[in-house]
Structure formats: C-alpha cells, structure tokens
Amino acid sequence: MSVFDVEIDALTGGSADLAGYRGRAVLVVNVASRCGLTPQYAGLEDLQRRYEERGFTVLGVPCNQFMGQEPGTSEEISTFCSTTYGVTFPMTEKVDVNGEGRHALYGELVSAVDAEGHTGDIRWNFEKFLIAPDGTVAARFSPKTEPGSGEVAKAIEAVLPG
C-alpha cells in the first residue's frame, strides 16, 4: 500500500482521489490557518506554481490538533487560503494526524525519518512529506523547514517524473 491507495475526501467535498497523483511528486503538508507558521502557505504556493508543469503538486491537509489552530469549517479554510495566500493547490478534508484517530494517510507517512532523525508523530503544523511518483516517501521535513529552502527544492527536483 502507498499513500496513493488511501481514501480521503477533498476540502470541498467528494474524493480527493489520491490515486490520480500516481506518477507525480507530491508534497503532503498538514496545514493550519492560525499558526505562527501559516505564512508558509505563500512558499507552498510558490512551489506549486514553480513545479506544477513538471509533474508536482502540493497537497494541503488541514488539522486542528495543535492548539486548535485550524478551527474553521471547510468553507472558511478554503476562503482563507485562497484570499490570503492565493492558494491554488488541492486541499483535503480536515483530519487528525496523530493519536487514536490518526487518518490512514498519516498512518502511511509517520514512519518516515527526517534529516534530524525524527520519526513517528507529527510535531506541529506544516510538517512536510515528499512523496515520489511511485508512492514512496522520499523525504520528510520539519515544520520549521521553509518550503522555499534549497533543501526542499533539491529533494523535489530529485524526484520529479521524467
């Protein structure tokens, strides 16, 4: 099983159809609208625009498990992201990323190790997982790693299809 086999709904309803991302590189990020790291939305959108035509997408996954920093409804989240940061990348429904109610998507991701040796539970909003076109986790980045960092760009470029 890979992340592409997991079922999850889109923020706007209906299936997010992760299977449709097979063959693409995907950066999965648990996001929140009221976090000190929320300005990372701008960097994530920059990545989306820079690499989209080369087989890449950002996938935002709203989560309210960290100090209640994503309390909004699906409509409120969508409006905030598009009007404040011009977000065009797809977003899933709001889910739990840790604990007993952890969504199956994060069940597939949390065993990956980041550059600092961290594995297991998500530490905070904006933890990032780079999924290779074959569905394997190619890299994990801490919440504080900026989307526009050279480290992230290098990892994305290494797994872009074709």
N, C-alpha and C. Protein backbone atom coordinates (compact mmCIF):
# COMPACT_ATOMS: atom_id res chain seq x y z
N MET A 1 0.84 -1.19 0.00
CA MET A 1 0.00 0.00 0.00
C MET A 1 0.88 1.25 0.00
N SER A 2 0.42 2.29 -0.69
CA SER A 2 1.12 3.57 -0.69
C SER A 2 0.11 4.67 -0.39
N VAL A 3 0.58 5.88 -0.25
CA VAL A 3 -0.34 6.99 0.01
C VAL A 3 -1.37 7.13 -1.11
N PHE A 4 -1.02 6.70 -2.31
CA PHE A 4 -1.94 6.82 -3.43
C PHE A 4 -3.13 5.87 -3.31
N ASP A 5 -3.05 4.90 -2.39
CA ASP A 5 -4.14 3.95 -2.18
C ASP A 5 -5.09 4.37 -1.07
N VAL A 6 -4.75 5.43 -0.36
CA VAL A 6 -5.54 5.89 0.79
C VAL A 6 -6.74 6.70 0.29
N GLU A 7 -7.87 6.49 0.93
CA GLU A 7 -9.05 7.28 0.62
C GLU A 7 -9.17 8.44 1.59
N ILE A 8 -9.36 9.63 1.03
CA ILE A 8 -9.55 10.84 1.82
C ILE A 8 -10.39 11.79 0.99
N ASP A 9 -11.21 12.56 1.66
CA ASP A 9 -12.07 13.50 0.94
C ASP A 9 -11.34 14.81 0.68
N ALA A 10 -11.79 15.51 -0.35
CA ALA A 10 -11.28 16.84 -0.66
C ALA A 10 -11.93 17.85 0.29
N LEU A 11 -11.31 18.97 0.49
CA LEU A 11 -11.82 20.02 1.36
C LEU A 11 -13.21 20.47 0.91
N THR A 12 -13.40 20.49 -0.38
CA THR A 12 -14.66 20.98 -0.94
C THR A 12 -15.71 19.88 -1.09
N GLY A 13 -15.38 18.67 -0.63
CA GLY A 13 -16.31 17.55 -0.72
C GLY A 13 -15.93 16.58 -1.82
N GLY A 14 -16.44 15.37 -1.73
CA GLY A 14 -16.09 14.33 -2.69
C GLY A 14 -14.68 13.81 -2.41
N SER A 15 -14.26 12.87 -3.20
CA SER A 15 -12.96 12.23 -3.00
C SER A 15 -11.82 13.14 -3.45
N ALA A 16 -10.72 13.11 -2.70
CA ALA A 16 -9.52 13.83 -3.11
C ALA A 16 -8.76 13.03 -4.17
N ASP A 17 -9.15 11.77 -4.39
CA ASP A 17 -8.61 10.91 -5.44
C ASP A 17 -7.08 10.91 -5.48
N LEU A 18 -6.47 10.45 -4.40
CA LEU A 18 -5.01 10.39 -4.34
C LEU A 18 -4.44 9.50 -5.43
N ALA A 19 -5.20 8.51 -5.88
CA ALA A 19 -4.72 7.63 -6.95
C ALA A 19 -4.39 8.43 -8.21
N GLY A 20 -5.06 9.56 -8.38
CA GLY A 20 -4.81 10.41 -9.54
C GLY A 20 -3.44 11.08 -9.52
N TYR A 21 -2.74 10.99 -8.39
CA TYR A 21 -1.40 11.58 -8.28
C TYR A 21 -0.29 10.58 -8.58
N ARG A 22 -0.65 9.33 -8.86
CA ARG A 22 0.39 8.35 -9.23
C ARG A 22 1.18 8.91 -10.40
N GLY A 23 2.49 8.78 -10.34
CA GLY A 23 3.33 9.29 -11.41
C GLY A 23 3.73 10.75 -11.22
N ARG A 24 3.27 11.37 -10.15
CA ARG A 24 3.63 12.76 -9.84
C ARG A 24 4.36 12.80 -8.51
N ALA A 25 5.12 13.83 -8.29
CA ALA A 25 5.73 14.09 -6.98
C ALA A 25 4.73 14.94 -6.20
N VAL A 26 4.54 14.62 -4.92
CA VAL A 26 3.54 15.30 -4.10
C VAL A 26 4.17 15.68 -2.76
N LEU A 27 3.98 16.93 -2.36
CA LEU A 27 4.41 17.39 -1.04
C LEU A 27 3.16 17.48 -0.17
N VAL A 28 3.04 16.54 0.78
CA VAL A 28 1.90 16.49 1.70
C VAL A 28 2.25 17.30 2.93
N VAL A 29 1.40 18.27 3.28
CA VAL A 29 1.68 19.19 4.39
C VAL A 29 0.44 19.35 5.26
N ASN A 30 0.59 19.09 6.58
CA ASN A 30 -0.53 19.38 7.48
C ASN A 30 -0.51 20.88 7.76
N VAL A 31 -1.62 21.53 7.45
CA VAL A 31 -1.68 22.99 7.46
C VAL A 31 -2.66 23.51 8.51
N ALA A 32 -2.49 24.77 8.86
CA ALA A 32 -3.37 25.45 9.81
C ALA A 32 -3.38 26.94 9.52
N SER A 33 -4.53 27.57 9.70
CA SER A 33 -4.71 28.97 9.34
C SER A 33 -4.33 29.96 10.44
N ARG A 34 -4.18 29.49 11.67
CA ARG A 34 -3.91 30.41 12.78
C ARG A 34 -2.64 30.03 13.54
N CYS A 35 -1.62 29.76 12.81
CA CYS A 35 -0.35 29.29 13.37
C CYS A 35 0.74 30.29 13.02
N GLY A 36 1.77 30.35 13.84
CA GLY A 36 2.90 31.20 13.52
C GLY A 36 3.59 30.80 12.22
N LEU A 37 3.38 29.57 11.79
CA LEU A 37 3.98 29.08 10.54
C LEU A 37 3.05 29.24 9.34
N THR A 38 1.85 29.77 9.55
CA THR A 38 0.88 29.91 8.47
C THR A 38 1.43 30.66 7.25
N PRO A 39 2.33 31.64 7.40
CA PRO A 39 2.89 32.29 6.21
C PRO A 39 3.60 31.31 5.25
N GLN A 40 3.86 30.09 5.70
CA GLN A 40 4.45 29.09 4.79
C GLN A 40 3.51 28.77 3.63
N TYR A 41 2.22 29.10 3.76
CA TYR A 41 1.31 28.92 2.63
C TYR A 41 1.85 29.60 1.38
N ALA A 42 2.45 30.77 1.54
CA ALA A 42 2.99 31.50 0.38
C ALA A 42 4.10 30.71 -0.29
N GLY A 43 5.00 30.14 0.50
CA GLY A 43 6.08 29.33 -0.06
C GLY A 43 5.57 28.05 -0.69
N LEU A 44 4.55 27.46 -0.10
CA LEU A 44 3.96 26.25 -0.69
C LEU A 44 3.33 26.57 -2.04
N GLU A 45 2.64 27.70 -2.12
CA GLU A 45 2.04 28.10 -3.39
C GLU A 45 3.12 28.40 -4.42
N ASP A 46 4.23 28.99 -4.01
CA ASP A 46 5.35 29.21 -4.94
C ASP A 46 5.87 27.90 -5.51
N LEU A 47 6.01 26.89 -4.64
CA LEU A 47 6.44 25.57 -5.11
C LEU A 47 5.44 25.00 -6.10
N GLN A 48 4.16 25.13 -5.79
CA GLN A 48 3.11 24.62 -6.68
C GLN A 48 3.26 25.25 -8.07
N ARG A 49 3.40 26.54 -8.10
CA ARG A 49 3.49 27.24 -9.40
C ARG A 49 4.80 26.93 -10.13
N ARG A 50 5.89 26.78 -9.39
CA ARG A 50 7.19 26.54 -10.00
C ARG A 50 7.30 25.15 -10.62
N TYR A 51 6.73 24.15 -9.96
CA TYR A 51 6.95 22.77 -10.39
C TYR A 51 5.72 22.05 -10.95
N GLU A 52 4.57 22.69 -10.93
CA GLU A 52 3.34 22.01 -11.35
C GLU A 52 3.43 21.40 -12.74
N GLU A 53 3.94 22.15 -13.68
CA GLU A 53 4.01 21.66 -15.06
C GLU A 53 5.05 20.56 -15.24
N ARG A 54 5.86 20.32 -14.21
CA ARG A 54 6.87 19.26 -14.28
C ARG A 54 6.44 18.01 -13.51
N GLY A 55 5.15 17.94 -13.16
CA GLY A 55 4.64 16.73 -12.51
C GLY A 55 4.68 16.77 -11.00
N PHE A 56 4.41 17.92 -10.41
CA PHE A 56 4.46 18.10 -8.96
C PHE A 56 3.20 18.77 -8.46
N THR A 57 2.80 18.45 -7.25
CA THR A 57 1.72 19.19 -6.59
C THR A 57 1.94 19.21 -5.08
N VAL A 58 1.48 20.26 -4.48
CA VAL A 58 1.39 20.35 -3.02
C VAL A 58 0.00 19.84 -2.67
N LEU A 59 -0.11 19.11 -1.57
CA LEU A 59 -1.40 18.67 -1.07
C LEU A 59 -1.52 19.13 0.37
N GLY A 60 -2.39 20.10 0.62
CA GLY A 60 -2.60 20.62 1.97
C GLY A 60 -3.59 19.76 2.73
N VAL A 61 -3.26 19.46 3.98
CA VAL A 61 -4.12 18.63 4.82
C VAL A 61 -4.41 19.39 6.11
N PRO A 62 -5.53 20.09 6.18
CA PRO A 62 -5.87 20.84 7.40
C PRO A 62 -5.98 19.93 8.62
N CYS A 63 -5.49 20.44 9.74
CA CYS A 63 -5.51 19.69 11.00
C CYS A 63 -5.68 20.68 12.15
N ASN A 64 -6.52 20.32 13.10
CA ASN A 64 -6.80 21.19 14.24
C ASN A 64 -6.25 20.62 15.54
N GLN A 65 -5.27 19.72 15.48
CA GLN A 65 -4.77 19.05 16.67
C GLN A 65 -3.71 19.85 17.44
N PHE A 66 -3.20 20.90 16.87
CA PHE A 66 -2.12 21.64 17.53
C PHE A 66 -2.64 22.98 18.02
N MET A 67 -3.03 23.01 19.29
CA MET A 67 -3.55 24.20 19.96
C MET A 67 -4.75 24.82 19.24
N GLY A 68 -5.53 23.99 18.56
CA GLY A 68 -6.75 24.47 17.91
C GLY A 68 -6.52 25.53 16.86
N GLN A 69 -5.41 25.41 16.11
CA GLN A 69 -5.04 26.46 15.17
C GLN A 69 -5.67 26.33 13.78
N GLU A 70 -6.56 25.35 13.62
CA GLU A 70 -7.34 25.25 12.37
C GLU A 70 -8.79 24.95 12.74
N PRO A 71 -9.46 25.94 13.37
CA PRO A 71 -10.82 25.70 13.87
C PRO A 71 -11.91 25.84 12.82
N GLY A 72 -11.59 26.39 11.67
CA GLY A 72 -12.62 26.75 10.69
C GLY A 72 -13.32 25.59 10.02
N THR A 73 -14.43 25.92 9.37
CA THR A 73 -15.15 24.97 8.54
C THR A 73 -14.38 24.81 7.22
N SER A 74 -14.76 23.85 6.44
CA SER A 74 -14.12 23.66 5.14
C SER A 74 -14.20 24.93 4.30
N GLU A 75 -15.37 25.56 4.30
CA GLU A 75 -15.55 26.79 3.52
C GLU A 75 -14.66 27.91 4.05
N GLU A 76 -14.58 28.05 5.36
CA GLU A 76 -13.73 29.10 5.95
C GLU A 76 -12.25 28.86 5.62
N ILE A 77 -11.81 27.61 5.70
CA ILE A 77 -10.42 27.28 5.38
C ILE A 77 -10.13 27.60 3.92
N SER A 78 -11.01 27.16 3.04
CA SER A 78 -10.83 27.39 1.61
C SER A 78 -10.77 28.89 1.29
N THR A 79 -11.69 29.66 1.86
CA THR A 79 -11.72 31.10 1.62
C THR A 79 -10.46 31.77 2.15
N PHE A 80 -10.05 31.41 3.36
CA PHE A 80 -8.83 31.98 3.94
C PHE A 80 -7.62 31.71 3.05
N CYS A 81 -7.46 30.48 2.63
CA CYS A 81 -6.29 30.11 1.84
C CYS A 81 -6.25 30.81 0.49
N SER A 82 -7.40 30.87 -0.17
CA SER A 82 -7.41 31.48 -1.50
C SER A 82 -7.30 33.00 -1.44
N THR A 83 -7.98 33.64 -0.48
CA THR A 83 -7.94 35.11 -0.43
C THR A 83 -6.69 35.65 0.23
N THR A 84 -6.15 34.96 1.21
CA THR A 84 -4.98 35.46 1.93
C THR A 84 -3.67 35.10 1.23
N TYR A 85 -3.60 33.89 0.70
CA TYR A 85 -2.33 33.41 0.12
C TYR A 85 -2.43 33.00 -1.35
N GLY A 86 -3.60 33.14 -1.95
CA GLY A 86 -3.75 32.78 -3.36
C GLY A 86 -3.53 31.31 -3.63
N VAL A 87 -3.86 30.47 -2.67
CA VAL A 87 -3.62 29.04 -2.79
C VAL A 87 -4.44 28.44 -3.92
N THR A 88 -3.74 27.72 -4.80
CA THR A 88 -4.39 27.00 -5.89
C THR A 88 -4.21 25.50 -5.76
N PHE A 89 -3.30 25.06 -4.88
CA PHE A 89 -3.07 23.62 -4.76
C PHE A 89 -4.23 22.94 -4.04
N PRO A 90 -4.41 21.64 -4.27
CA PRO A 90 -5.53 20.94 -3.66
C PRO A 90 -5.39 20.80 -2.14
N MET A 91 -6.54 20.71 -1.49
CA MET A 91 -6.60 20.54 -0.04
C MET A 91 -7.56 19.39 0.25
N THR A 92 -7.25 18.67 1.32
CA THR A 92 -8.13 17.59 1.74
C THR A 92 -9.05 18.08 2.86
N GLU A 93 -9.92 17.19 3.27
CA GLU A 93 -10.74 17.44 4.44
C GLU A 93 -9.84 17.60 5.67
N LYS A 94 -10.37 18.21 6.72
CA LYS A 94 -9.63 18.35 7.97
C LYS A 94 -9.57 16.99 8.66
N VAL A 95 -8.36 16.57 9.07
CA VAL A 95 -8.18 15.26 9.70
C VAL A 95 -7.27 15.35 10.92
N ASP A 96 -7.23 14.27 11.68
CA ASP A 96 -6.25 14.11 12.76
C ASP A 96 -5.02 13.44 12.18
N VAL A 97 -3.85 13.95 12.56
CA VAL A 97 -2.59 13.39 12.07
C VAL A 97 -1.87 12.57 13.13
N ASN A 98 -2.32 12.66 14.37
CA ASN A 98 -1.73 11.93 15.49
C ASN A 98 -2.84 11.26 16.30
N GLY A 99 -2.43 10.33 17.14
CA GLY A 99 -3.35 9.73 18.11
C GLY A 99 -4.22 8.64 17.55
N GLU A 100 -5.17 8.25 18.37
CA GLU A 100 -6.07 7.14 18.06
C GLU A 100 -6.86 7.37 16.78
N GLY A 101 -7.21 8.63 16.50
CA GLY A 101 -7.99 8.95 15.31
C GLY A 101 -7.15 9.34 14.11
N ARG A 102 -5.85 9.02 14.14
CA ARG A 102 -4.96 9.39 13.04
C ARG A 102 -5.53 8.87 11.72
N HIS A 103 -5.59 9.76 10.74
CA HIS A 103 -6.08 9.37 9.42
C HIS A 103 -5.10 8.39 8.78
N ALA A 104 -5.63 7.48 7.97
CA ALA A 104 -4.80 6.46 7.31
C ALA A 104 -3.68 7.07 6.47
N LEU A 105 -3.89 8.26 5.91
CA LEU A 105 -2.84 8.92 5.14
C LEU A 105 -1.60 9.11 6.01
N TYR A 106 -1.81 9.62 7.21
CA TYR A 106 -0.68 9.84 8.11
C TYR A 106 -0.16 8.54 8.71
N GLY A 107 -1.01 7.53 8.75
CA GLY A 107 -0.54 6.21 9.14
C GLY A 107 0.53 5.70 8.19
N GLU A 108 0.40 6.08 6.91
CA GLU A 108 1.38 5.70 5.89
C GLU A 108 2.64 6.57 5.95
N LEU A 109 2.54 7.77 6.49
CA LEU A 109 3.64 8.73 6.43
C LEU A 109 4.56 8.75 7.65
N VAL A 110 4.03 8.54 8.84
CA VAL A 110 4.79 8.84 10.06
C VAL A 110 6.01 7.97 10.31
N SER A 111 6.16 6.87 9.61
CA SER A 111 7.36 6.05 9.81
C SER A 111 8.58 6.62 9.09
N ALA A 112 8.38 7.60 8.22
CA ALA A 112 9.50 8.23 7.51
C ALA A 112 10.35 9.02 8.51
N VAL A 113 11.64 9.09 8.21
CA VAL A 113 12.61 9.77 9.07
C VAL A 113 13.05 11.07 8.39
N ASP A 114 13.12 12.15 9.17
CA ASP A 114 13.61 13.41 8.60
C ASP A 114 15.13 13.52 8.77
N ALA A 115 15.69 14.61 8.31
CA ALA A 115 17.15 14.80 8.34
C ALA A 115 17.71 14.85 9.75
N GLU A 116 16.85 15.16 10.73
CA GLU A 116 17.29 15.23 12.13
C GLU A 116 17.10 13.90 12.86
N GLY A 117 16.60 12.89 12.14
CA GLY A 117 16.38 11.59 12.73
C GLY A 117 15.01 11.39 13.35
N HIS A 118 14.12 12.39 13.22
CA HIS A 118 12.78 12.27 13.81
C HIS A 118 11.91 11.34 12.98
N THR A 119 11.22 10.48 13.66
CA THR A 119 10.21 9.61 13.06
C THR A 119 9.03 9.55 14.02
N GLY A 120 7.91 9.07 13.55
CA GLY A 120 6.75 8.97 14.43
C GLY A 120 5.84 10.17 14.33
N ASP A 121 5.19 10.49 15.44
CA ASP A 121 4.16 11.51 15.45
C ASP A 121 4.58 12.83 14.80
N ILE A 122 3.57 13.48 14.23
CA ILE A 122 3.75 14.82 13.66
C ILE A 122 3.99 15.77 14.83
N ARG A 123 5.01 16.62 14.69
CA ARG A 123 5.39 17.51 15.78
C ARG A 123 4.58 18.79 15.85
N TRP A 124 4.16 19.31 14.71
CA TRP A 124 3.46 20.60 14.68
C TRP A 124 2.87 20.79 13.30
N ASN A 125 2.16 21.89 13.12
CA ASN A 125 1.63 22.26 11.82
C ASN A 125 2.78 22.45 10.83
N PHE A 126 2.51 22.17 9.57
CA PHE A 126 3.43 22.40 8.45
C PHE A 126 4.61 21.41 8.41
N GLU A 127 4.42 20.22 8.96
CA GLU A 127 5.39 19.15 8.72
C GLU A 127 5.15 18.67 7.29
N LYS A 128 6.23 18.39 6.58
CA LYS A 128 6.13 18.13 5.15
C LYS A 128 6.68 16.75 4.79
N PHE A 129 5.97 16.07 3.88
CA PHE A 129 6.39 14.76 3.38
C PHE A 129 6.41 14.82 1.86
N LEU A 130 7.55 14.52 1.28
CA LEU A 130 7.67 14.48 -0.18
C LEU A 130 7.44 13.05 -0.64
N ILE A 131 6.44 12.86 -1.47
CA ILE A 131 6.09 11.55 -1.99
C ILE A 131 6.61 11.46 -3.42
N ALA A 132 7.37 10.41 -3.70
CA ALA A 132 7.90 10.17 -5.04
C ALA A 132 6.77 9.68 -5.95
N PRO A 133 6.97 9.78 -7.26
CA PRO A 133 5.92 9.33 -8.19
C PRO A 133 5.48 7.87 -8.01
N ASP A 134 6.32 7.04 -7.40
CA ASP A 134 5.94 5.64 -7.17
C ASP A 134 5.19 5.44 -5.85
N GLY A 135 4.96 6.51 -5.10
CA GLY A 135 4.20 6.43 -3.87
C GLY A 135 5.03 6.26 -2.61
N THR A 136 6.34 6.18 -2.73
CA THR A 136 7.19 6.06 -1.55
C THR A 136 7.50 7.44 -0.97
N VAL A 137 7.77 7.47 0.33
CA VAL A 137 8.13 8.73 0.97
C VAL A 137 9.61 8.99 0.67
N ALA A 138 9.88 10.06 -0.06
CA ALA A 138 11.25 10.38 -0.47
C ALA A 138 11.96 11.27 0.55
N ALA A 139 11.19 12.07 1.31
CA ALA A 139 11.81 12.97 2.28
C ALA A 139 10.75 13.44 3.26
N ARG A 140 11.22 13.78 4.45
CA ARG A 140 10.36 14.36 5.50
C ARG A 140 11.07 15.60 6.00
N PHE A 141 10.31 16.69 6.16
CA PHE A 141 10.88 17.95 6.59
C PHE A 141 10.17 18.46 7.83
N SER A 142 10.93 19.01 8.75
CA SER A 142 10.35 19.53 9.99
C SER A 142 9.43 20.71 9.68
N PRO A 143 8.53 21.01 10.61
CA PRO A 143 7.62 22.14 10.40
C PRO A 143 8.34 23.45 10.14
N LYS A 144 9.49 23.65 10.74
CA LYS A 144 10.21 24.92 10.59
C LYS A 144 10.99 25.02 9.28
N THR A 145 11.12 23.93 8.53
CA THR A 145 11.80 23.99 7.24
C THR A 145 10.92 24.76 6.28
N GLU A 146 11.43 25.86 5.79
CA GLU A 146 10.67 26.72 4.88
C GLU A 146 10.49 26.01 3.53
N PRO A 147 9.29 26.11 2.95
CA PRO A 147 9.05 25.49 1.65
C PRO A 147 10.02 25.96 0.57
N GLY A 148 10.46 27.21 0.66
CA GLY A 148 11.36 27.76 -0.35
C GLY A 148 12.83 27.45 -0.12
N SER A 149 13.14 26.65 0.88
CA SER A 149 14.55 26.35 1.17
C SER A 149 15.18 25.51 0.06
N GLY A 150 16.47 25.63 -0.05
CA GLY A 150 17.21 24.83 -1.03
C GLY A 150 17.08 23.34 -0.78
N GLU A 151 16.98 22.97 0.48
CA GLU A 151 16.82 21.57 0.87
C GLU A 151 15.54 20.97 0.26
N VAL A 152 14.45 21.71 0.34
CA VAL A 152 13.18 21.23 -0.21
C VAL A 152 13.23 21.20 -1.73
N ALA A 153 13.73 22.26 -2.33
CA ALA A 153 13.82 22.32 -3.80
C ALA A 153 14.68 21.19 -4.35
N LYS A 154 15.80 20.94 -3.71
CA LYS A 154 16.70 19.87 -4.17
C LYS A 154 15.99 18.51 -4.10
N ALA A 155 15.27 18.27 -3.03
CA ALA A 155 14.55 17.00 -2.87
C ALA A 155 13.45 16.86 -3.93
N ILE A 156 12.72 17.94 -4.18
CA ILE A 156 11.65 17.89 -5.20
C ILE A 156 12.25 17.61 -6.57
N GLU A 157 13.29 18.34 -6.92
CA GLU A 157 13.90 18.16 -8.23
C GLU A 157 14.45 16.75 -8.42
N ALA A 158 14.87 16.11 -7.34
CA ALA A 158 15.41 14.76 -7.43
C ALA A 158 14.33 13.71 -7.74
N VAL A 159 13.06 14.01 -7.44
CA VAL A 159 12.01 13.02 -7.66
C VAL A 159 11.00 13.42 -8.73
N LEU A 160 11.19 14.55 -9.38
CA LEU A 160 10.25 14.93 -10.43
C LEU A 160 10.22 13.85 -11.51
N PRO A 161 9.03 13.52 -12.02
CA PRO A 161 8.96 12.49 -13.06
C PRO A 161 9.59 12.97 -14.35
N GLY A 162 10.04 12.00 -15.13
CA GLY A 162 10.60 12.29 -16.45
C GLY A 162 11.88 12.97 -16.34
